[in-house]
Amino acid sequence: MTVLEYLRAEHCNYRVTEHKPVYTAEQLAAAEHVSPRSVAKPVIVRADGRYYVCVLPADRRIDIYEIQKHLKAKNVRLASEHEMEYLFGDSEIGAEAPFGNLYDLPTLMDKSLAKDNEIVFQAGSHDTAVWISMEEYKKLTCPDIFRFSYPAALDEIESMPFDPFFYDPYGI
């Protein structure tokens, strides 16, 4: 069952938009003219042999350590493209919808996304998006909500070259 079939069967209030093909959550935000913070990005992880759908805003990155701590798992890693193909056979790779329950997978939601009133996400293809209220989304997926992300901007700062002449008056 596709996510659109599921939403119809559940008699949900949602809307579908079409746009040029996009391949990242940030590109989806631009195509839909919304803040990346409103785009629900699913990231699939495997923790001690079990897969999880982790849903976070497009402008944030997943913190594997926080997921490992929360799940009390020994080994957590991102799912491979091959694993994603196997798990989400009805979706184009990279356009999976953030509904773990459709695939018998637990859904984990980052606390920063849970604050939004409405979210948008890809609906199994690179040219279709779904808009749904957060209340409706939570009701359908029953996610485990906790903080497991950090701002994407931190990646940019950490990748900057070290400046040995930078003076930080508050540094230790």
Protein backbone atom coordinates (compact mmCIF):
# COMPACT_ATOMS: atom_id res chain seq x y z
CA MET A 1 0.00 0.00 0.00
CA THR A 2 1.44 3.39 -0.97
CA VAL A 3 1.34 6.32 1.41
CA LEU A 4 -1.38 8.02 -0.66
CA GLU A 5 -3.52 4.88 -0.60
CA TYR A 6 -2.97 4.67 3.15
CA LEU A 7 -3.97 8.30 3.73
CA ARG A 8 -7.12 7.82 1.62
CA ALA A 9 -8.03 4.63 3.51
CA GLU A 10 -7.59 6.44 6.84
CA HIS A 11 -9.81 9.33 5.65
CA CYS A 12 -7.13 11.88 6.48
CA ASN A 13 -7.07 15.56 5.68
CA TYR A 14 -4.07 16.11 3.44
CA ARG A 15 -3.13 17.72 0.17
CA VAL A 16 -0.85 16.61 -2.63
CA THR A 17 1.33 18.89 -4.73
CA GLU A 18 3.46 18.10 -7.75
CA HIS A 19 6.74 19.78 -8.63
CA LYS A 20 9.84 19.20 -10.71
CA PRO A 21 11.83 16.17 -9.49
CA VAL A 22 13.90 16.89 -6.36
CA TYR A 23 16.37 14.59 -4.66
CA THR A 24 16.99 16.10 -1.23
CA ALA A 25 14.78 17.39 1.56
CA GLU A 26 16.33 20.84 1.12
CA GLN A 27 15.39 20.82 -2.57
CA LEU A 28 11.85 19.80 -1.60
CA ALA A 29 11.65 22.83 0.72
CA ALA A 30 12.70 25.11 -2.14
CA ALA A 31 10.26 23.50 -4.60
CA GLU A 32 7.39 23.84 -2.11
CA HIS A 33 8.43 27.36 -1.00
CA VAL A 34 8.65 26.48 2.69
CA SER A 35 11.32 26.59 5.34
CA PRO A 36 13.44 23.41 5.47
CA ARG A 37 12.32 23.21 9.10
CA SER A 38 8.81 22.21 7.88
CA VAL A 39 10.02 19.35 5.66
CA ALA A 40 9.89 15.94 7.32
CA LYS A 41 12.98 14.03 6.25
CA PRO A 42 13.04 10.27 6.91
CA VAL A 43 16.42 8.71 7.68
CA ILE A 44 16.54 4.93 8.06
CA VAL A 45 18.82 3.43 10.67
CA ARG A 46 19.56 -0.10 11.74
CA ALA A 47 20.00 -0.62 15.47
CA ASP A 48 21.08 -4.06 16.68
CA GLY A 49 19.53 -5.68 13.61
CA ARG A 50 16.21 -3.76 13.66
CA TYR A 51 15.32 -0.93 11.29
CA TYR A 52 13.83 2.39 12.40
CA VAL A 53 12.40 5.33 10.45
CA CYS A 54 13.86 8.48 12.01
CA VAL A 55 11.98 11.63 11.04
CA LEU A 56 13.58 15.05 11.42
CA PRO A 57 13.46 18.50 9.80
CA ALA A 58 15.37 18.96 6.53
CA ASP A 59 17.66 21.57 8.11
CA ARG A 60 18.94 19.18 10.77
CA ARG A 61 21.26 16.17 10.83
CA ILE A 62 20.80 12.89 12.66
CA ASP A 63 22.82 12.22 15.80
CA ILE A 64 23.43 8.47 15.76
CA TYR A 65 24.80 8.56 19.31
CA GLU A 66 21.51 9.99 20.69
CA ILE A 67 19.55 7.26 18.92
CA GLN A 68 21.92 4.62 20.25
CA LYS A 69 21.51 5.99 23.79
CA HIS A 70 17.71 6.19 23.55
CA LEU A 71 17.31 2.69 22.11
CA LYS A 72 20.00 1.27 24.43
CA ALA A 73 21.52 -0.30 21.33
CA LYS A 74 25.08 -1.53 20.92
CA ASN A 75 25.34 -0.95 17.17
CA VAL A 76 23.53 1.77 15.18
CA ARG A 77 24.25 2.70 11.59
CA LEU A 78 22.54 4.26 8.59
CA ALA A 79 20.77 1.82 6.29
CA SER A 80 22.43 1.21 2.93
CA GLU A 81 20.79 2.03 -0.37
CA HIS A 82 20.34 -1.71 -1.00
CA GLU A 83 18.55 -2.12 2.35
CA MET A 84 16.31 0.87 1.57
CA GLU A 85 15.38 -0.66 -1.78
CA TYR A 86 14.39 -3.87 -0.01
CA LEU A 87 12.43 -2.13 2.77
CA PHE A 88 10.60 0.43 0.60
CA GLY A 89 9.90 -1.42 -2.64
CA ASP A 90 6.97 0.87 -3.49
CA SER A 91 9.06 4.08 -3.29
CA GLU A 92 11.78 5.61 -5.39
CA ILE A 93 15.12 5.53 -3.54
CA GLY A 94 15.46 8.75 -1.56
CA ALA A 95 11.74 9.60 -1.73
CA GLU A 96 10.48 7.40 1.08
CA ALA A 97 7.55 8.72 3.10
CA PRO A 98 8.08 9.12 6.87
CA PHE A 99 5.58 6.40 7.82
CA GLY A 100 7.38 3.48 9.46
CA ASN A 101 4.05 1.89 10.36
CA LEU A 102 3.37 1.19 6.65
CA TYR A 103 6.42 -1.08 6.65
CA ASP A 104 6.11 -2.54 10.16
CA LEU A 105 8.98 -0.31 11.33
CA PRO A 106 8.98 1.88 14.44
CA THR A 107 8.93 5.62 13.77
CA LEU A 108 11.18 7.92 15.79
CA MET A 109 10.50 11.67 15.54
CA ASP A 110 12.87 14.43 16.50
CA LYS A 111 11.42 16.79 19.09
CA SER A 112 12.27 19.83 16.94
CA LEU A 113 9.89 18.65 14.20
CA ALA A 114 7.09 17.81 16.64
CA LYS A 115 6.56 21.54 17.28
CA ASP A 116 5.27 22.24 13.76
CA ASN A 117 1.57 22.53 12.93
CA GLU A 118 1.94 21.10 9.43
CA ILE A 119 4.63 19.11 7.64
CA VAL A 120 5.43 18.31 4.03
CA PHE A 121 7.24 15.22 2.77
CA GLN A 122 7.89 13.21 -0.37
CA ALA A 123 5.21 10.66 -1.13
CA GLY A 124 7.28 7.85 -2.61
CA SER A 125 8.32 9.74 -5.74
CA HIS A 126 10.68 12.62 -6.41
CA ASP A 127 7.97 14.83 -7.94
CA THR A 128 5.10 14.49 -5.45
CA ALA A 129 4.75 16.00 -1.99
CA VAL A 130 2.14 15.55 0.73
CA TRP A 131 1.08 18.19 3.24
CA ILE A 132 -0.51 16.97 6.48
CA SER A 133 -1.16 18.39 9.93
CA MET A 134 1.23 17.34 12.67
CA GLU A 135 -1.72 16.19 14.77
CA GLU A 136 -2.89 13.85 12.00
CA TYR A 137 0.66 12.60 11.35
CA LYS A 138 1.22 11.77 15.02
CA LYS A 139 -2.12 10.00 15.21
CA LEU A 140 -1.23 7.82 12.21
CA THR A 141 2.37 6.96 13.07
CA CYS A 142 2.42 7.03 16.91
CA PRO A 143 6.08 8.09 16.85
CA ASP A 144 8.53 7.86 19.72
CA ILE A 145 9.43 11.55 20.17
CA PHE A 146 12.80 12.64 21.55
CA ARG A 147 15.74 14.85 20.55
CA PHE A 148 18.19 13.15 18.17
CA SER A 149 19.30 15.85 15.76
CA TYR A 150 21.52 18.91 15.54
CA PRO A 151 21.49 21.90 13.16
CA ALA A 152 23.02 21.20 9.75
CA ALA A 153 24.93 24.49 10.08
CA LEU A 154 27.18 22.85 12.68
CA ASP A 155 28.52 20.52 9.97
CA GLU A 156 29.60 23.57 7.97
CA ILE A 157 31.33 25.17 10.95
CA GLU A 158 33.19 21.97 11.84
CA SER A 159 34.38 21.55 8.25
CA MET A 160 35.98 25.00 8.22
CA PRO A 161 39.77 25.03 8.30
CA PHE A 162 41.36 25.74 11.67
CA ASP A 163 42.64 29.32 12.00
CA PRO A 164 45.63 29.38 14.41
CA PHE A 165 45.44 33.20 14.63
CA PHE A 166 41.81 33.33 15.75
CA TYR A 167 41.59 34.84 19.23
CA ASP A 168 38.71 33.67 21.38
CA PRO A 169 38.53 35.84 24.53
CA TYR A 170 36.23 33.26 26.15
CA GLY A 171 38.33 30.23 25.28
CA ILE A 172 39.96 28.13 27.92
